[in-house]
């Protein structure tokens, strides 16, 4: 079932969903199931699975020359999605990136997903590689998420890259895209960011899922701006409980967002990370309750494969 259908069928009752990471290479899918099992009591209608593009490292050879080696540390997004749908009978939603894919690669991936009965996707540009200052698309690849959305939507219309195909089948993907309540780190302003978000909707995206935020006012203001810009699709908030003192510096730097002063000071005064984890849970519970009271249709949690704190939050909300 499509994400938009899940929202319609809920008839105003808030839904619980979460996002997981593929395991590191060398681990099996049981690692994934162990992170999902404790959360199934809250009846998630769908689970997101991130995709991690290939990275490169350089190894020094005995001659002193450097050899470029492709490193893919988290493979398996498509296989994990198939496993989740088979085991739990819930919709699994793979992330699809521009980075690391040609348009032909993307089309073949989408065909595989269609064959597997996976009909929800999240279309993302993806981050720059570690050795890049700015994102660089693959040759013959999509440069922007809006272009990726167009390609997916074209398949929904039966339009493939090979224009000579006859009687080509239409896919039926529900397309999610990312939104940034505090703007994307590369955007010059929030208004300009929403301008390009609207382009993704015009190109065929069906719903928006946001980057994490820790101040609900920023989310509500973002929704208001989207609605005023003519964006009418569902907007799903992404939430993450803070869990360590290190994240006070890591999260703002990595995701280009602000942490509220009250949260910062509570974490600074915490005696250890166990205390920080509890602070993060309580903060996220308060955020969640306010969002539910505002009639938000789905609360989406970034679990990072760790169920304990997400379960503690969900027990209070769902």
Protein backbone atom coordinates (compact mmCIF):
# COMPACT_ATOMS: atom_id res chain seq x y z
CA UNK A 1 0.00 0.00 0.00
CA UNK A 2 1.18 3.54 -0.71
CA UNK A 3 2.22 5.84 2.13
CA UNK A 4 -0.52 8.27 1.09
CA UNK A 5 -3.08 5.46 1.31
CA UNK A 6 -1.89 4.53 4.81
CA UNK A 7 -2.45 8.14 5.87
CA UNK A 8 -5.93 8.24 4.31
CA UNK A 9 -6.95 4.94 5.89
CA UNK A 10 -5.80 6.07 9.35
CA UNK A 11 -8.55 8.73 9.31
CA UNK A 12 -6.68 11.12 11.54
CA UNK A 13 -5.16 8.56 13.91
CA UNK A 14 -1.39 9.22 14.15
CA UNK A 15 0.82 6.56 12.61
CA UNK A 16 4.23 5.39 13.83
CA UNK A 17 7.08 4.77 11.41
CA UNK A 18 10.85 4.60 11.61
CA UNK A 19 14.03 4.47 9.56
CA UNK A 20 16.85 1.94 9.74
CA UNK A 21 20.36 1.63 8.36
CA UNK A 22 21.55 -1.41 6.41
CA UNK A 23 24.06 -3.38 8.49
CA UNK A 24 27.76 -3.04 7.86
CA UNK A 25 29.17 -5.49 5.34
CA UNK A 26 29.76 -8.84 7.01
CA UNK A 27 26.60 -8.77 9.16
CA UNK A 28 23.42 -10.60 8.19
CA UNK A 29 19.80 -9.54 8.10
CA UNK A 30 19.16 -10.87 11.62
CA UNK A 31 20.93 -7.71 12.80
CA UNK A 32 18.13 -5.75 11.12
CA UNK A 33 15.36 -7.93 12.53
CA UNK A 34 16.76 -7.52 16.04
CA UNK A 35 16.32 -3.75 15.69
CA UNK A 36 12.82 -4.02 14.24
CA UNK A 37 11.23 -6.72 16.44
CA UNK A 38 10.92 -4.56 19.60
CA UNK A 39 9.07 -1.86 17.63
CA UNK A 40 6.48 -4.00 15.86
CA UNK A 41 4.02 -3.78 18.78
CA UNK A 42 3.37 -0.19 17.70
CA UNK A 43 2.16 -1.41 14.28
CA UNK A 44 4.27 0.65 11.88
CA UNK A 45 2.59 0.67 8.44
CA UNK A 46 5.96 1.27 6.78
CA UNK A 47 9.69 1.22 7.54
CA UNK A 48 12.32 3.26 5.66
CA UNK A 49 15.68 1.74 4.71
CA UNK A 50 18.53 4.11 3.87
CA UNK A 51 20.91 3.65 0.96
CA UNK A 52 24.63 4.35 1.30
CA UNK A 53 26.56 5.07 -1.86
CA UNK A 54 29.99 3.71 -2.55
CA UNK A 55 32.93 5.55 -1.05
CA UNK A 56 36.56 5.49 -2.10
CA UNK A 57 39.76 5.01 -0.19
CA UNK A 58 43.36 5.04 -1.34
CA UNK A 59 45.75 2.25 -0.34
CA UNK A 60 49.48 2.67 -0.59
CA UNK A 61 51.16 -0.06 -2.63
CA UNK A 62 54.68 -1.37 -1.84
CA UNK A 63 55.91 0.77 -4.76
CA UNK A 64 54.64 3.88 -2.99
CA UNK A 65 51.90 4.47 -5.54
CA UNK A 66 48.33 4.95 -4.35
CA UNK A 67 45.61 2.56 -5.51
CA UNK A 68 41.99 3.73 -5.57
CA UNK A 69 39.65 1.17 -4.03
CA UNK A 70 35.84 1.24 -3.92
CA UNK A 71 34.45 0.68 -0.42
CA UNK A 72 30.79 -0.22 0.04
CA UNK A 73 30.30 -0.60 3.76
CA UNK A 74 26.49 -0.87 3.92
CA UNK A 75 25.13 -2.88 0.99
CA UNK A 76 21.75 -4.55 0.80
CA UNK A 77 18.99 -1.91 0.83
CA UNK A 78 16.84 -3.68 -1.79
CA UNK A 79 17.32 -7.11 -0.23
CA UNK A 80 16.51 -5.76 3.24
CA UNK A 81 13.30 -4.17 1.94
CA UNK A 82 12.24 -7.46 0.38
CA UNK A 83 13.06 -9.27 3.64
CA UNK A 84 11.07 -6.79 5.74
CA UNK A 85 7.99 -7.03 3.53
CA UNK A 86 8.17 -10.83 3.55
CA UNK A 87 8.73 -11.22 7.31
CA UNK A 88 6.55 -8.45 8.77
CA UNK A 89 3.97 -7.83 6.04
CA UNK A 90 4.54 -4.07 6.23
CA UNK A 91 5.67 -1.75 3.48
CA UNK A 92 9.41 -1.20 3.23
CA UNK A 93 10.61 2.03 1.64
CA UNK A 94 14.07 2.15 0.09
CA UNK A 95 15.93 5.41 -0.30
CA UNK A 96 17.13 6.03 -3.85
CA UNK A 97 20.01 8.42 -4.50
CA UNK A 98 21.24 10.44 -7.44
CA UNK A 99 24.84 10.00 -6.29
CA UNK A 100 26.51 6.81 -7.48
CA UNK A 101 23.86 5.99 -10.09
CA UNK A 102 23.53 6.61 -13.80
CA UNK A 103 19.97 7.01 -15.05
CA UNK A 104 20.24 3.49 -16.47
CA UNK A 105 21.29 2.16 -13.05
CA UNK A 106 18.34 3.96 -11.49
CA UNK A 107 15.89 2.54 -14.00
CA UNK A 108 17.17 -1.00 -13.45
CA UNK A 109 16.90 -0.56 -9.67
CA UNK A 110 13.32 0.67 -10.01
CA UNK A 111 12.44 -2.27 -12.24
CA UNK A 112 13.79 -4.67 -9.59
CA UNK A 113 11.74 -2.91 -6.90
CA UNK A 114 8.63 -3.11 -9.05
CA UNK A 115 9.17 -6.85 -9.59
CA UNK A 116 9.45 -7.30 -5.80
CA UNK A 117 6.19 -5.45 -5.12
CA UNK A 118 7.98 -2.56 -3.42
CA UNK A 119 5.98 0.47 -4.53
CA UNK A 120 7.13 3.20 -2.16
CA UNK A 121 10.46 5.02 -2.55
CA UNK A 122 12.16 8.10 -1.14
CA UNK A 123 14.03 10.09 -3.80
CA UNK A 124 17.12 11.94 -2.57
CA UNK A 125 20.05 13.69 -4.17
CA UNK A 126 22.45 12.31 -1.58
CA UNK A 127 25.51 13.85 0.00
CA UNK A 128 28.83 14.70 -1.56
CA UNK A 129 31.60 12.16 -1.16
CA UNK A 130 34.03 12.77 1.69
CA UNK A 131 36.69 13.99 -0.71
CA UNK A 132 34.29 16.37 -2.52
CA UNK A 133 33.43 19.91 -1.45
CA UNK A 134 30.21 19.86 -3.45
CA UNK A 135 28.03 17.06 -4.75
CA UNK A 136 28.98 15.76 -8.20
CA UNK A 137 26.52 13.60 -10.13
CA UNK A 138 27.54 10.52 -12.03
CA UNK A 139 28.11 10.95 -15.74
CA UNK A 140 24.68 10.27 -17.31
CA UNK A 141 23.15 10.46 -13.83
CA UNK A 142 20.55 12.70 -12.21
CA UNK A 143 22.01 15.86 -10.71
CA UNK A 144 19.06 16.89 -8.53
CA UNK A 145 16.37 15.07 -6.57
CA UNK A 146 13.78 16.83 -8.75
CA UNK A 147 15.28 15.09 -11.80
CA UNK A 148 15.19 11.74 -10.00
CA UNK A 149 11.53 12.31 -9.13
CA UNK A 150 10.84 13.00 -12.80
CA UNK A 151 12.51 9.75 -13.83
CA UNK A 152 10.50 7.74 -11.31
CA UNK A 153 7.27 9.48 -12.31
CA UNK A 154 8.04 8.79 -15.97
CA UNK A 155 8.18 5.06 -15.20
CA UNK A 156 4.80 5.43 -13.52
CA UNK A 157 3.60 6.68 -16.92
CA UNK A 158 5.33 3.83 -18.79
CA UNK A 159 8.09 6.10 -20.11
CA UNK A 160 11.46 4.30 -20.06
CA UNK A 161 14.88 5.52 -21.15
CA UNK A 162 14.63 3.37 -24.27
CA UNK A 163 12.11 5.34 -26.31
CA UNK A 164 11.66 2.44 -28.73
CA UNK A 165 10.04 0.16 -26.16
CA UNK A 166 6.55 -0.90 -27.18
CA UNK A 167 3.63 -1.46 -24.80
CA UNK A 168 5.85 -0.74 -21.78
CA UNK A 169 4.32 -1.41 -18.36
CA UNK A 170 3.60 1.44 -15.95
CA UNK A 171 5.03 1.20 -12.46
CA UNK A 172 3.06 2.44 -9.44
CA UNK A 173 5.56 4.12 -7.15
CA UNK A 174 4.55 6.47 -4.35
CA UNK A 175 7.38 9.00 -4.17
CA UNK A 176 8.61 10.64 -0.99
CA UNK A 177 11.10 13.51 -0.91
CA UNK A 178 13.07 15.30 1.79
CA UNK A 179 12.15 18.62 3.36
CA UNK A 180 14.31 20.74 5.64
CA UNK A 181 12.55 22.79 8.37
CA UNK A 182 15.81 24.70 8.92
CA UNK A 183 16.71 24.66 5.19
CA UNK A 184 19.17 22.43 3.39
CA UNK A 185 22.76 23.27 4.28
CA UNK A 186 23.48 24.34 0.68
CA UNK A 187 20.36 26.48 0.25
CA UNK A 188 20.83 30.28 0.48
CA UNK A 189 17.50 30.66 2.32
CA UNK A 190 14.51 28.68 3.55
CA UNK A 191 12.25 30.34 0.98
CA UNK A 192 14.54 29.32 -1.87
CA UNK A 193 14.70 25.80 -0.46
CA UNK A 194 10.90 25.59 -0.44
CA UNK A 195 10.86 26.89 -4.04
CA UNK A 196 12.87 23.84 -5.12
CA UNK A 197 10.86 21.55 -2.84
CA UNK A 198 7.75 22.67 -4.71
CA UNK A 199 9.48 21.71 -7.97
CA UNK A 200 9.89 18.17 -6.65
CA UNK A 201 6.16 18.07 -5.89
CA UNK A 202 5.31 19.40 -9.37
CA UNK A 203 7.51 16.68 -10.87
CA UNK A 204 5.48 13.96 -9.17
CA UNK A 205 6.42 13.60 -5.48
CA UNK A 206 3.53 12.44 -3.28
CA UNK A 207 4.68 13.36 0.22
CA UNK A 208 7.48 15.04 2.17
CA UNK A 209 9.47 13.64 5.07
CA UNK A 210 11.57 16.12 7.02
CA UNK A 211 15.08 16.22 8.30
CA UNK A 212 15.27 15.89 12.08
CA UNK A 213 14.52 18.95 14.20
CA UNK A 214 14.39 19.58 17.94
CA UNK A 215 12.16 22.66 18.07
CA UNK A 216 8.58 22.02 16.94
CA UNK A 217 8.06 25.69 16.14
CA UNK A 218 10.54 25.33 13.29
CA UNK A 219 8.49 22.43 11.91
CA UNK A 220 5.17 24.27 12.23
CA UNK A 221 6.64 27.38 10.58
CA UNK A 222 8.03 25.19 7.78
CA UNK A 223 4.62 23.59 7.19
CA UNK A 224 2.97 27.02 7.10
CA UNK A 225 5.50 28.24 4.53
CA UNK A 226 4.95 25.13 2.40
CA UNK A 227 1.17 25.55 2.49
CA UNK A 228 1.46 29.24 1.64
CA UNK A 229 3.65 28.25 -1.32
CA UNK A 230 0.89 25.95 -2.60
CA UNK A 231 2.35 22.62 -1.41
CA UNK A 232 -0.58 20.43 -0.34
CA UNK A 233 0.95 16.95 0.02
CA UNK A 234 1.37 15.31 3.46
CA UNK A 235 4.39 16.52 5.43
CA UNK A 236 5.79 13.91 7.83
CA UNK A 237 8.07 15.12 10.66
CA UNK A 238 11.35 13.27 11.22
CA UNK A 239 12.37 12.93 14.86
CA UNK A 240 15.51 11.71 16.59
CA UNK A 241 16.18 11.49 20.33
CA UNK A 242 19.61 12.77 21.27
CA UNK A 243 21.61 10.05 23.02
CA UNK A 244 25.18 11.20 23.72
CA UNK A 245 27.01 14.37 24.72
CA UNK A 246 29.07 14.14 21.54
CA UNK A 247 25.91 14.72 19.50
CA UNK A 248 25.68 18.30 20.82
CA UNK A 249 28.45 19.15 18.36
CA UNK A 250 27.98 16.39 15.80
CA UNK A 251 24.29 16.91 14.96
CA UNK A 252 24.39 20.69 14.31
CA UNK A 253 27.56 20.28 12.21
CA UNK A 254 26.43 17.21 10.28
CA UNK A 255 22.82 18.25 9.62
CA UNK A 256 23.05 22.06 9.72
CA UNK A 257 20.41 22.62 12.38
CA UNK A 258 20.05 24.31 15.76
CA UNK A 259 19.53 22.66 19.12
CA UNK A 260 17.34 24.52 21.65
CA UNK A 261 19.25 26.08 24.54
CA UNK A 262 17.16 24.19 27.14
CA UNK A 263 18.11 20.88 25.57
CA UNK A 264 21.76 21.87 25.27
CA UNK A 265 22.06 22.88 28.92
CA UNK A 266 20.28 19.75 30.13
CA UNK A 267 22.74 17.59 28.19
CA UNK A 268 25.75 19.63 29.34
CA UNK A 269 24.72 19.13 32.99
CA UNK A 270 24.08 15.39 32.55
CA UNK A 271 26.49 13.23 34.52
CA UNK A 272 26.88 10.56 31.81
CA UNK A 273 25.44 9.33 28.52
CA UNK A 274 22.84 7.16 30.26
CA UNK A 275 21.43 10.36 31.69
CA UNK A 276 21.71 12.05 28.27
CA UNK A 277 19.74 9.21 26.68
CA UNK A 278 16.92 9.71 29.18
CA UNK A 279 16.93 13.47 28.52
CA UNK A 280 16.70 12.76 24.79
CA UNK A 281 13.78 10.36 25.29
CA UNK A 282 11.85 12.84 27.44
CA UNK A 283 12.48 15.69 25.00
CA UNK A 284 11.31 13.58 22.04
CA UNK A 285 8.20 12.44 23.96
CA UNK A 286 7.28 16.09 24.55
CA UNK A 287 7.87 16.89 20.87
CA UNK A 288 5.78 13.89 19.82
CA UNK A 289 2.83 14.75 22.08
CA UNK A 290 2.71 18.30 20.74
CA UNK A 291 2.82 17.06 17.13
CA UNK A 292 0.04 14.54 17.76
CA UNK A 293 -2.08 17.25 19.40
CA UNK A 294 -1.58 19.36 16.26
CA UNK A 295 -3.04 16.59 14.10
CA UNK A 296 0.18 15.52 12.35
CA UNK A 297 -0.64 12.27 10.46
CA UNK A 298 2.63 10.34 10.91
CA UNK A 299 5.56 10.59 13.31
CA UNK A 300 8.72 9.19 11.75
CA UNK A 301 11.69 8.29 13.97
CA UNK A 302 15.34 7.98 12.96
CA UNK A 303 16.19 4.84 14.92
CA UNK A 304 19.61 4.18 13.33
CA UNK A 305 18.89 0.50 14.04
CA UNK A 306 18.71 1.01 17.81
CA UNK A 307 15.26 0.27 19.17
CA UNK A 308 15.57 0.92 22.92
CA UNK A 309 15.02 4.68 23.04
CA UNK A 310 12.47 4.67 20.18
CA UNK A 311 10.46 2.02 22.02
CA UNK A 312 10.47 4.11 25.19
CA UNK A 313 9.10 7.07 23.23
CA UNK A 314 6.50 5.06 21.29
CA UNK A 315 5.12 3.54 24.51
CA UNK A 316 4.09 7.03 25.59
CA UNK A 317 2.59 8.09 22.26
CA UNK A 318 1.05 5.13 20.40
